[in-house]
PDB file of N, CA and C in Angstrom:
ATOM      1  N   LYS A   1       0.832  -1.190   0.000  1.00  0.00           N
ATOM      2  CA  LYS A   1       0.000   0.000   0.000  1.00  0.00           C
ATOM      3  C   LYS A   1       0.870   1.244   0.000  1.00  0.00           C
ATOM      4  N   TYR A   2       0.361   2.283  -0.622  1.00  0.00           N
ATOM      5  CA  TYR A   2       0.975   3.607  -0.560  1.00  0.00           C
ATOM      6  C   TYR A   2      -0.091   4.506   0.057  1.00  0.00           C
ATOM      7  N   ILE A   3       0.152   4.941   1.267  1.00  0.00           N
ATOM      8  CA  ILE A   3      -0.815   5.784   1.978  1.00  0.00           C
ATOM      9  C   ILE A   3      -0.204   7.159   2.150  1.00  0.00           C
ATOM     10  N   THR A   4      -0.940   8.163   1.735  1.00  0.00           N
ATOM     11  CA  THR A   4      -0.493   9.533   1.948  1.00  0.00           C
ATOM     12  C   THR A   4      -1.525  10.229   2.827  1.00  0.00           C
ATOM     13  N   PRO A   5      -1.070  10.929   3.848  1.00  0.00           N
ATOM     14  CA  PRO A   5      -2.015  11.572   4.760  1.00  0.00           C
ATOM     15  C   PRO A   5      -2.834  12.653   4.062  1.00  0.00           C
ATOM     16  N   LYS A   6      -4.099  12.690   4.372  1.00  0.00           N
ATOM     17  CA  LYS A   6      -4.962  13.763   3.877  1.00  0.00           C
ATOM     18  C   LYS A   6      -5.111  14.746   5.028  1.00  0.00           C
ATOM     19  N   SER A   7      -4.570  15.932   4.831  1.00  0.00           N
ATOM     20  CA  SER A   7      -4.569  16.929   5.892  1.00  0.00           C
ATOM     21  C   SER A   7      -4.448  18.312   5.273  1.00  0.00           C
ATOM     22  N   PRO A   8      -5.162  19.295   5.817  1.00  0.00           N
ATOM     23  CA  PRO A   8      -5.032  20.658   5.289  1.00  0.00           C
ATOM     24  C   PRO A   8      -3.653  21.262   5.557  1.00  0.00           C
ATOM     25  N   SER A   9      -2.871  20.659   6.444  1.00  0.00           N
ATOM     26  CA  SER A   9      -1.539  21.190   6.745  1.00  0.00           C
ATOM     27  C   SER A   9      -0.467  20.666   5.786  1.00  0.00           C
ATOM     28  N   ILE A  10      -0.829  19.752   4.889  1.00  0.00           N
ATOM     29  CA  ILE A  10       0.120  19.214   3.917  1.00  0.00           C
ATOM     30  C   ILE A  10      -0.119  19.902   2.576  1.00  0.00           C
ATOM     31  N   LEU A  11       0.943  20.487   2.031  1.00  0.00           N
ATOM     32  CA  LEU A  11       0.837  21.192   0.761  1.00  0.00           C
ATOM     33  C   LEU A  11       0.625  20.215  -0.389  1.00  0.00           C
ATOM     34  N   PRO A  12      -0.136  20.637  -1.413  1.00  0.00           N
ATOM     35  CA  PRO A  12      -0.245  19.803  -2.610  1.00  0.00           C
ATOM     36  C   PRO A  12       1.153  19.612  -3.204  1.00  0.00           C
ATOM     37  N   SER A  13       1.453  18.423  -3.656  1.00  0.00           N
ATOM     38  CA  SER A  13       2.812  18.116  -4.098  1.00  0.00           C
ATOM     39  C   SER A  13       2.800  17.358  -5.416  1.00  0.00           C
ATOM     40  N   ILE A  14       3.483  17.912  -6.412  1.00  0.00           N
ATOM     41  CA  ILE A  14       3.634  17.208  -7.684  1.00  0.00           C
ATOM     42  C   ILE A  14       4.430  15.923  -7.467  1.00  0.00           C
ATOM     43  N   THR A  15       5.434  15.986  -6.594  1.00  0.00           N
ATOM     44  CA  THR A  15       6.245  14.795  -6.321  1.00  0.00           C
ATOM     45  C   THR A  15       5.385  13.690  -5.719  1.00  0.00           C
ATOM     46  N   ASN A  16       4.557  14.027  -4.735  1.00  0.00           N
ATOM     47  CA  ASN A  16       3.688  13.019  -4.122  1.00  0.00           C
ATOM     48  C   ASN A  16       2.689  12.482  -5.143  1.00  0.00           C
ATOM     49  N   LYS A  17       2.161  13.358  -5.976  1.00  0.00           N
ATOM     50  CA  LYS A  17       1.228  12.911  -7.017  1.00  0.00           C
ATOM     51  C   LYS A  17       1.929  11.930  -7.965  1.00  0.00           C
ATOM     52  N   SER A  18       3.168  12.243  -8.335  1.00  0.00           N
ATOM     53  CA  SER A  18       3.937  11.357  -9.214  1.00  0.00           C
ATOM     54  C   SER A  18       4.207  10.018  -8.537  1.00  0.00           C
ATOM     55  N   LEU A  19       4.592  10.056  -7.255  1.00  0.00           N
ATOM     56  CA  LEU A  19       4.855   8.816  -6.519  1.00  0.00           C
ATOM     57  C   LEU A  19       3.590   7.976  -6.372  1.00  0.00           C
ATOM     58  N   ARG A  20       2.447   8.624  -6.157  1.00  0.00           N
ATOM     59  CA  ARG A  20       1.174   7.883  -6.080  1.00  0.00           C
ATOM     60  C   ARG A  20       0.885   7.188  -7.409  1.00  0.00           C
ATOM     61  N   THR A  21       1.110   7.907  -8.509  1.00  0.00           N
ATOM     62  CA  THR A  21       0.887   7.326  -9.836  1.00  0.00           C
ATOM     63  C   THR A  21       1.804   6.130 -10.065  1.00  0.00           C
ATOM     64  N   LEU A  22       3.077   6.276  -9.710  1.00  0.00           N
ATOM     65  CA  LEU A  22       4.027   5.171  -9.869  1.00  0.00           C
ATOM     66  C   LEU A  22       3.665   3.988  -8.974  1.00  0.00           C
ATOM     67  N   ALA A  23       3.261   4.271  -7.745  1.00  0.00           N
ATOM     68  CA  ALA A  23       2.873   3.201  -6.819  1.00  0.00           C
ATOM     69  C   ALA A  23       1.704   2.403  -7.386  1.00  0.00           C
ATOM     70  N   GLU A  24       0.720   3.114  -7.904  1.00  0.00           N
ATOM     71  CA  GLU A  24      -0.434   2.445  -8.502  1.00  0.00           C
ATOM     72  C   GLU A  24       0.005   1.609  -9.710  1.00  0.00           C
ATOM     73  N   ASP A  25       0.899   2.164 -10.527  1.00  0.00           N
ATOM     74  CA  ASP A  25       1.410   1.453 -11.697  1.00  0.00           C
ATOM     75  C   ASP A  25       2.192   0.200 -11.293  1.00  0.00           C
ATOM     76  N   MET A  26       2.803   0.230 -10.110  1.00  0.00           N
ATOM     77  CA  MET A  26       3.549  -0.923  -9.589  1.00  0.00           C
ATOM     78  C   MET A  26       2.622  -1.941  -8.925  1.00  0.00           C
ATOM     79  N   GLY A  27       1.317  -1.662  -8.925  1.00  0.00           N
ATOM     80  CA  GLY A  27       0.359  -2.607  -8.364  1.00  0.00           C
ATOM     81  C   GLY A  27       0.013  -2.386  -6.909  1.00  0.00           C
ATOM     82  N   LEU A  28       0.482  -1.280  -6.341  1.00  0.00           N
ATOM     83  CA  LEU A  28       0.158  -0.984  -4.945  1.00  0.00           C
ATOM     84  C   LEU A  28      -1.200  -0.301  -4.854  1.00  0.00           C
ATOM     85  N   LYS A  29      -1.920  -0.581  -3.804  1.00  0.00           N
ATOM     86  CA  LYS A  29      -3.162   0.129  -3.532  1.00  0.00           C
ATOM     87  C   LYS A  29      -2.781   1.505  -2.988  1.00  0.00           C
ATOM     88  N   VAL A  30      -3.363   2.558  -3.557  1.00  0.00           N
ATOM     89  CA  VAL A  30      -3.042   3.925  -3.157  1.00  0.00           C
ATOM     90  C   VAL A  30      -4.218   4.516  -2.394  1.00  0.00           C
ATOM     91  N   GLU A  31      -3.918   5.073  -1.224  1.00  0.00           N
ATOM     92  CA  GLU A  31      -4.944   5.697  -0.394  1.00  0.00           C
ATOM     93  C   GLU A  31      -4.482   7.083   0.031  1.00  0.00           C
ATOM     94  N   GLU A  32      -5.403   8.042  -0.016  1.00  0.00           N
ATOM     95  CA  GLU A  32      -5.164   9.368   0.555  1.00  0.00           C
ATOM     96  C   GLU A  32      -6.250   9.569   1.604  1.00  0.00           C
ATOM     97  N   ARG A  33      -5.810   9.577   2.870  1.00  0.00           N
ATOM     98  CA  ARG A  33      -6.771   9.633   3.971  1.00  0.00           C
ATOM     99  C   ARG A  33      -6.060  10.077   5.244  1.00  0.00           C
ATOM    100  N   PRO A  34      -6.836  10.484   6.253  1.00  0.00           N
ATOM    101  CA  PRO A  34      -6.201  10.798   7.537  1.00  0.00           C
ATOM    102  C   PRO A  34      -5.490   9.555   8.090  1.00  0.00           C
ATOM    103  N   VAL A  35      -4.336   9.764   8.690  1.00  0.00           N
ATOM    104  CA  VAL A  35      -3.566   8.663   9.268  1.00  0.00           C
ATOM    105  C   VAL A  35      -3.414   8.923  10.766  1.00  0.00           C
ATOM    106  N   PRO A  36      -4.146   8.174  11.595  1.00  0.00           N
ATOM    107  CA  PRO A  36      -4.001   8.361  13.046  1.00  0.00           C
ATOM    108  C   PRO A  36      -2.641   7.862  13.524  1.00  0.00           C
ATOM    109  N   VAL A  37      -2.102   8.518  14.520  1.00  0.00           N
ATOM    110  CA  VAL A  37      -0.776   8.160  15.036  1.00  0.00           C
ATOM    111  C   VAL A  37      -0.732   6.700  15.490  1.00  0.00           C
ATOM    112  N   GLU A  38      -1.843   6.172  15.958  1.00  0.00           N
ATOM    113  CA  GLU A  38      -1.898   4.782  16.417  1.00  0.00           C
ATOM    114  C   GLU A  38      -1.635   3.792  15.279  1.00  0.00           C
ATOM    115  N   GLU A  39      -1.840   4.210  14.048  1.00  0.00           N
ATOM    116  CA  GLU A  39      -1.657   3.325  12.894  1.00  0.00           C
ATOM    117  C   GLU A  39      -0.189   3.235  12.447  1.00  0.00           C
ATOM    118  N   LEU A  40       0.623   4.185  12.847  1.00  0.00           N
ATOM    119  CA  LEU A  40       2.009   4.251  12.374  1.00  0.00           C
ATOM    120  C   LEU A  40       2.804   2.980  12.656  1.00  0.00           C
ATOM    121  N   ALA A  41       2.540   2.336  13.766  1.00  0.00           N
ATOM    122  CA  ALA A  41       3.280   1.116  14.121  1.00  0.00           C
ATOM    123  C   ALA A  41       2.989  -0.042  13.164  1.00  0.00           C
ATOM    124  N   SER A  42       1.882   0.017  12.435  1.00  0.00           N
ATOM    125  CA  SER A  42       1.544  -1.070  11.510  1.00  0.00           C
ATOM    126  C   SER A  42       2.214  -0.905  10.140  1.00  0.00           C
ATOM    127  N   PHE A  43       2.849   0.235   9.893  1.00  0.00           N
ATOM    128  CA  PHE A  43       3.490   0.474   8.598  1.00  0.00           C
ATOM    129  C   PHE A  43       4.826  -0.259   8.516  1.00  0.00           C
ATOM    130  N   GLU A  44       5.130  -0.813   7.362  1.00  0.00           N
ATOM    131  CA  GLU A  44       6.430  -1.452   7.135  1.00  0.00           C
ATOM    132  C   GLU A  44       7.501  -0.416   6.828  1.00  0.00           C
ATOM    133  N   GLU A  45       7.105   0.662   6.148  1.00  0.00           N
ATOM    134  CA  GLU A  45       8.023   1.734   5.767  1.00  0.00           C
ATOM    135  C   GLU A  45       7.302   3.064   5.919  1.00  0.00           C
ATOM    136  N   ALA A  46       8.087   4.129   6.009  1.00  0.00           N
ATOM    137  CA  ALA A  46       7.536   5.481   5.996  1.00  0.00           C
ATOM    138  C   ALA A  46       8.531   6.369   5.276  1.00  0.00           C
ATOM    139  N   GLY A  47       8.017   7.379   4.601  1.00  0.00           N
ATOM    140  CA  GLY A  47       8.892   8.288   3.882  1.00  0.00           C
ATOM    141  C   GLY A  47       8.285   9.669   3.802  1.00  0.00           C
ATOM    142  N   ALA A  48       9.131  10.629   3.508  1.00  0.00           N
ATOM    143  CA  ALA A  48       8.710  12.006   3.267  1.00  0.00           C
ATOM    144  C   ALA A  48       9.140  12.352   1.849  1.00  0.00           C
ATOM    145  N   CYS A  49       8.324  13.128   1.150  1.00  0.00           N
ATOM    146  CA  CYS A  49       8.676  13.436  -0.230  1.00  0.00           C
ATOM    147  C   CYS A  49       8.730  14.936  -0.465  1.00  0.00           C
ATOM    148  N   GLY A  50       9.487  15.294  -1.489  1.00  0.00           N
ATOM    149  CA  GLY A  50       9.628  16.683  -1.878  1.00  0.00           C
ATOM    150  C   GLY A  50      10.396  16.767  -3.184  1.00  0.00           C
ATOM    151  N   THR A  51      10.414  17.943  -3.768  1.00  0.00           N
ATOM    152  CA  THR A  51      11.011  18.131  -5.086  1.00  0.00           C
ATOM    153  C   THR A  51      12.468  17.688  -5.143  1.00  0.00           C
ATOM    154  N   ALA A  52      13.289  18.166  -4.241  1.00  0.00           N
ATOM    155  CA  ALA A  52      14.725  17.861  -4.290  1.00  0.00           C
ATOM    156  C   ALA A  52      15.038  16.446  -3.812  1.00  0.00           C
ATOM    157  N   ALA A  53      14.342  15.987  -2.793  1.00  0.00           N
ATOM    158  CA  ALA A  53      14.652  14.686  -2.185  1.00  0.00           C
ATOM    159  C   ALA A  53      13.955  13.519  -2.871  1.00  0.00           C
ATOM    160  N   VAL A  54      12.935  13.777  -3.642  1.00  0.00           N
ATOM    161  CA  VAL A  54      12.050  12.775  -4.234  1.00  0.00           C
ATOM    162  C   VAL A  54      11.324  12.067  -3.097  1.00  0.00           C
ATOM    163  N   ILE A  55      11.922  11.037  -2.523  1.00  0.00           N
ATOM    164  CA  ILE A  55      11.355  10.379  -1.342  1.00  0.00           C
ATOM    165  C   ILE A  55      12.507  10.021  -0.408  1.00  0.00           C
ATOM    166  N   SER A  56      12.377  10.433   0.832  1.00  0.00           N
ATOM    167  CA  SER A  56      13.408  10.162   1.840  1.00  0.00           C
ATOM    168  C   SER A  56      12.829   9.224   2.884  1.00  0.00           C
ATOM    169  N   PRO A  57      13.516   8.128   3.154  1.00  0.00           N
ATOM    170  CA  PRO A  57      13.002   7.188   4.151  1.00  0.00           C
ATOM    171  C   PRO A  57      13.021   7.787   5.550  1.00  0.00           C
ATOM    172  N   ILE A  58      12.043   7.400   6.336  1.00  0.00           N
ATOM    173  CA  ILE A  58      11.984   7.779   7.749  1.00  0.00           C
ATOM    174  C   ILE A  58      12.392   6.544   8.543  1.00  0.00           C
ATOM    175  N   GLY A  59      13.436   6.661   9.338  1.00  0.00           N
ATOM    176  CA  GLY A  59      13.940   5.528  10.117  1.00  0.00           C
ATOM    177  C   GLY A  59      13.080   5.211  11.321  1.00  0.00           C
ATOM    178  N   TYR A  60      12.603   6.269  11.973  1.00  0.00           N
ATOM    179  CA  TYR A  60      11.737   6.051  13.131  1.00  0.00           C
ATOM    180  C   TYR A  60      10.915   7.302  13.413  1.00  0.00           C
ATOM    181  N   VAL A  61       9.841   7.097  14.159  1.00  0.00           N
ATOM    182  CA  VAL A  61       8.981   8.178  14.639  1.00  0.00           C
ATOM    183  C   VAL A  61       8.964   8.071  16.154  1.00  0.00           C
ATOM    184  N   PHE A  62       9.135   9.194  16.824  1.00  0.00           N
ATOM    185  CA  PHE A  62       9.106   9.215  18.284  1.00  0.00           C
ATOM    186  C   PHE A  62       7.903  10.029  18.734  1.00  0.00           C
ATOM    187  N   ASP A  63       7.019   9.405  19.499  1.00  0.00           N
ATOM    188  CA  ASP A  63       5.831  10.069  20.041  1.00  0.00           C
ATOM    189  C   ASP A  63       6.202  10.683  21.390  1.00  0.00           C
ATOM    190  N   ILE A  64       6.263  11.992  21.438  1.00  0.00           N
ATOM    191  CA  ILE A  64       6.664  12.694  22.662  1.00  0.00           C
ATOM    192  C   ILE A  64       5.696  12.420  23.811  1.00  0.00           C
ATOM    193  N   ASP A  65       4.402  12.354  23.495  1.00  0.00           N
ATOM    194  CA  ASP A  65       3.399  12.155  24.547  1.00  0.00           C
ATOM    195  C   ASP A  65       3.536  10.797  25.232  1.00  0.00           C
ATOM    196  N   THR A  66       3.738   9.750  24.444  1.00  0.00           N
ATOM    197  CA  THR A  66       3.802   8.397  25.015  1.00  0.00           C
ATOM    198  C   THR A  66       5.239   7.901  25.194  1.00  0.00           C
ATOM    199  N   GLU A  67       6.188   8.648  24.665  1.00  0.00           N
ATOM    200  CA  GLU A  67       7.606   8.266  24.657  1.00  0.00           C
ATOM    201  C   GLU A  67       7.830   6.938  23.936  1.00  0.00           C
ATOM    202  N   GLU A  68       6.962   6.644  22.984  1.00  0.00           N
ATOM    203  CA  GLU A  68       7.086   5.425  22.184  1.00  0.00           C
ATOM    204  C   GLU A  68       7.891   5.728  20.924  1.00  0.00           C
ATOM    205  N   LYS A  69       8.838   4.847  20.615  1.00  0.00           N
ATOM    206  CA  LYS A  69       9.636   4.963  19.398  1.00  0.00           C
ATOM    207  C   LYS A  69       9.211   3.859  18.443  1.00  0.00           C
ATOM    208  N   ILE A  70       8.767   4.247  17.265  1.00  0.00           N
ATOM    209  CA  ILE A  70       8.363   3.296  16.233  1.00  0.00           C
ATOM    210  C   ILE A  70       9.468   3.289  15.181  1.00  0.00           C
ATOM    211  N   THR A  71      10.124   2.155  15.026  1.00  0.00           N
ATOM    212  CA  THR A  71      11.237   2.036  14.085  1.00  0.00           C
ATOM    213  C   THR A  71      10.778   1.282  12.843  1.00  0.00           C
ATOM    214  N   TYR A  72      11.187   1.783  11.671  1.00  0.00           N
ATOM    215  CA  TYR A  72      10.860   1.142  10.397  1.00  0.00           C
ATOM    216  C   TYR A  72      12.089   0.392   9.902  1.00  0.00           C
ATOM    217  N   GLY A  73      11.929  -0.910   9.693  1.00  0.00           N
ATOM    218  CA  GLY A  73      13.064  -1.741   9.308  1.00  0.00           C
ATOM    219  C   GLY A  73      14.105  -1.713  10.408  1.00  0.00           C
ATOM    220  N   ASP A  74      15.366  -1.519  10.020  1.00  0.00           N
ATOM    221  CA  ASP A  74      16.418  -1.426  11.033  1.00  0.00           C
ATOM    222  C   ASP A  74      16.670   0.024  11.445  1.00  0.00           C
ATOM    223  N   GLY A  75      15.852   0.932  10.920  1.00  0.00           N
ATOM    224  CA  GLY A  75      15.980   2.345  11.265  1.00  0.00           C
ATOM    225  C   GLY A  75      16.999   3.091  10.429  1.00  0.00           C
ATOM    226  N   GLN A  76      17.721   2.367   9.559  1.00  0.00           N
ATOM    227  CA  GLN A  76      18.763   3.009   8.751  1.00  0.00           C
ATOM    228  C   GLN A  76      18.709   2.649   7.266  1.00  0.00           C
ATOM    229  N   THR A  77      18.264   1.452   6.956  1.00  0.00           N
ATOM    230  CA  THR A  77      18.258   0.982   5.574  1.00  0.00           C
ATOM    231  C   THR A  77      16.968   1.408   4.879  1.00  0.00           C
ATOM    232  N   VAL A  78      17.097   1.869   3.652  1.00  0.00           N
ATOM    233  CA  VAL A  78      15.930   2.262   2.862  1.00  0.00           C
ATOM    234  C   VAL A  78      15.098   1.024   2.553  1.00  0.00           C
ATOM    235  N   GLY A  79      13.779   1.127   2.745  1.00  0.00           N
ATOM    236  CA  GLY A  79      12.882   0.012   2.455  1.00  0.00           C
ATOM    237  C   GLY A  79      12.737  -0.225   0.961  1.00  0.00           C
ATOM    238  N   LYS A  80      12.300  -1.427   0.595  1.00  0.00           N
ATOM    239  CA  LYS A  80      12.240  -1.804  -0.820  1.00  0.00           C
ATOM    240  C   LYS A  80      11.234  -0.970  -1.614  1.00  0.00           C
ATOM    241  N   THR A  81      10.120  -0.577  -1.003  1.00  0.00           N
ATOM    242  CA  THR A  81       9.128   0.207  -1.732  1.00  0.00           C
ATOM    243  C   THR A  81       9.613   1.633  -1.949  1.00  0.00           C
ATOM    244  N   CYS A  82      10.151   2.256  -0.906  1.00  0.00           N
ATOM    245  CA  CYS A  82      10.708   3.615  -1.053  1.00  0.00           C
ATOM    246  C   CYS A  82      11.804   3.623  -2.114  1.00  0.00           C
ATOM    247  N   LEU A  83      12.672   2.631  -2.074  1.00  0.00           N
ATOM    248  CA  LEU A  83      13.779   2.562  -3.027  1.00  0.00           C
ATOM    249  C   LEU A  83      13.268   2.360  -4.453  1.00  0.00           C
ATOM    250  N   ALA A  84      12.287   1.493  -4.620  1.00  0.00           N
ATOM    251  CA  ALA A  84      11.734   1.236  -5.954  1.00  0.00           C
ATOM    252  C   ALA A  84      11.072   2.491  -6.520  1.00  0.00           C
ATOM    253  N   LEU A  85      10.323   3.210  -5.687  1.00  0.00           N
ATOM    254  CA  LEU A  85       9.673   4.441  -6.143  1.00  0.00           C
ATOM    255  C   LEU A  85      10.708   5.504  -6.499  1.00  0.00           C
ATOM    256  N   TYR A  86      11.713   5.662  -5.659  1.00  0.00           N
ATOM    257  CA  TYR A  86      12.782   6.628  -5.915  1.00  0.00           C
ATOM    258  C   TYR A  86      13.474   6.315  -7.243  1.00  0.00           C
ATOM    259  N   ASN A  87      13.874   5.055  -7.405  1.00  0.00           N
ATOM    260  CA  ASN A  87      14.585   4.661  -8.623  1.00  0.00           C
ATOM    261  C   ASN A  87      13.729   4.849  -9.866  1.00  0.00           C
ATOM    262  N   LYS A  88      12.462   4.493  -9.790  1.00  0.00           N
ATOM    263  CA  LYS A  88      11.580   4.611 -10.952  1.00  0.00           C
ATOM    264  C   LYS A  88      11.406   6.070 -11.359  1.00  0.00           C
ATOM    265  N   LEU A  89      11.174   6.953 -10.393  1.00  0.00           N
ATOM    266  CA  LEU A  89      10.995   8.366 -10.725  1.00  0.00           C
ATOM    267  C   LEU A  89      12.292   8.954 -11.281  1.00  0.00           C
ATOM    268  N   GLN A  90      13.428   8.611 -10.683  1.00  0.00           N
ATOM    269  CA  GLN A  90      14.720   9.086 -11.187  1.00  0.00           C
ATOM    270  C   GLN A  90      14.984   8.550 -12.601  1.00  0.00           C
ATOM    271  N   ASP A  91      14.654   7.304 -12.852  1.00  0.00           N
ATOM    272  CA  ASP A  91      14.851   6.727 -14.182  1.00  0.00           C
ATOM    273  C   ASP A  91      14.027   7.468 -15.235  1.00  0.00           C
ATOM    274  N   ILE A  92      12.811   7.838 -14.896  1.00  0.00           N
ATOM    275  CA  ILE A  92      11.977   8.613 -15.822  1.00  0.00           C
ATOM    276  C   ILE A  92      12.576  10.001 -16.019  1.00  0.00           C
ATOM    277  N   GLN A  93      12.951  10.659 -14.924  1.00  0.00           N
ATOM    278  CA  GLN A  93      13.489  12.015 -15.010  1.00  0.00           C
ATOM    279  C   GLN A  93      14.766  12.083 -15.842  1.00  0.00           C
ATOM    280  N   TYR A  94      15.603  11.063 -15.749  1.00  0.00           N
ATOM    281  CA  TYR A  94      16.883  11.073 -16.453  1.00  0.00           C
ATOM    282  C   TYR A  94      16.859  10.316 -17.777  1.00  0.00           C
ATOM    283  N   GLY A  95      15.661   9.906 -18.218  1.00  0.00           N
ATOM    284  CA  GLY A  95      15.527   9.259 -19.517  1.00  0.00           C
ATOM    285  C   GLY A  95      16.076   7.848 -19.587  1.00  0.00           C
ATOM    286  N   ARG A  96      16.221   7.200 -18.447  1.00  0.00           N
ATOM    287  CA  ARG A  96      16.758   5.833 -18.424  1.00  0.00           C
ATOM    288  C   ARG A  96      15.680   4.777 -18.662  1.00  0.00           C
ATOM    289  N   CYS A  97      14.424   5.208 -18.658  1.00  0.00           N
ATOM    290  CA  CYS A  97      13.326   4.286 -18.965  1.00  0.00           C
ATOM    291  C   CYS A  97      12.211   5.072 -19.647  1.00  0.00           C
ATOM    292  N   GLU A  98      11.276   4.349 -20.198  1.00  0.00           N
ATOM    293  CA  GLU A  98      10.163   4.966 -20.906  1.00  0.00           C
ATOM    294  C   GLU A  98       9.325   5.816 -19.951  1.00  0.00           C
ATOM    295  N   ASP A  99       8.922   6.980 -20.429  1.00  0.00           N
ATOM    296  CA  ASP A  99       8.027   7.860 -19.677  1.00  0.00           C
ATOM    297  C   ASP A  99       6.615   7.689 -20.232  1.00  0.00           C
ATOM    298  N   LYS A 100       5.931   6.656 -19.788  1.00  0.00           N
ATOM    299  CA  LYS A 100       4.593   6.386 -20.313  1.00  0.00           C
ATOM    300  C   LYS A 100       3.538   7.342 -19.767  1.00  0.00           C
ATOM    301  N   PHE A 101       3.938   8.222 -18.856  1.00  0.00           N
ATOM    302  CA  PHE A 101       3.006   9.191 -18.276  1.00  0.00           C
ATOM    303  C   PHE A 101       3.119  10.569 -18.940  1.00  0.00           C
ATOM    304  N   ASN A 102       4.071  10.699 -19.856  1.00  0.00           N
ATOM    305  CA  ASN A 102       4.314  11.970 -20.558  1.00  0.00           C
ATOM    306  C   ASN A 102       4.645  13.109 -19.604  1.00  0.00           C
ATOM    307  N   TRP A 103       5.476  12.826 -18.623  1.00  0.00           N
ATOM    308  CA  TRP A 103       5.890  13.834 -17.650  1.00  0.00           C
ATOM    309  C   TRP A 103       7.077  14.654 -18.130  1.00  0.00           C
ATOM    310  N   THR A 104       7.868  14.092 -19.031  1.00  0.00           N
ATOM    311  CA  THR A 104       9.102  14.769 -19.432  1.00  0.00           C
ATOM    312  C   THR A 104       9.010  15.303 -20.854  1.00  0.00           C
ATOM    313  N   ILE A 105       9.776  16.349 -21.101  1.00  0.00           N
ATOM    314  CA  ILE A 105       9.848  16.959 -22.426  1.00  0.00           C
ATOM    315  C   ILE A 105      11.322  17.097 -22.778  1.00  0.00           C
ATOM    316  N   VAL A 106      11.685  16.644 -23.960  1.00  0.00           N
ATOM    317  CA  VAL A 106      13.062  16.790 -24.421  1.00  0.00           C
ATOM    318  C   VAL A 106      13.238  18.213 -24.937  1.00  0.00           C
ATOM    319  N   VAL A 107      14.221  18.909 -24.400  1.00  0.00           N
ATOM    320  CA  VAL A 107      14.527  20.270 -24.830  1.00  0.00           C
ATOM    321  C   VAL A 107      15.803  20.210 -25.657  1.00  0.00           C
ATOM    322  N   GLU A 108      15.721  20.714 -26.880  1.00  0.00           N
ATOM    323  CA  GLU A 108      16.898  20.680 -27.757  1.00  0.00           C
ATOM    324  C   GLU A 108      17.435  22.073 -27.966  1.00  0.00           C
TER     325      GLU A 108
END
């Protein structure tokens, strides 16, 4: 699954939209919905996205109120889904694979 939080405090993001499209193309179920903090422990991976970083893995989340630390994987290694999404978007951006979404334009 690729879940992105639905919240008025999160800016609309072309990068997140692109990652959602790629996730769906990879066969993942894509959801945009509120994500309660209690659900974070059930995630296998977590990431943050943005223009420059594409997608950056989150090693752990620390809840100040409960002092609970939720670690994703070993807390240091990029998860397979984050890595696959990062590589796929970079491959499209750099022309290393077909851009079937028509996101890129060749400038001569």
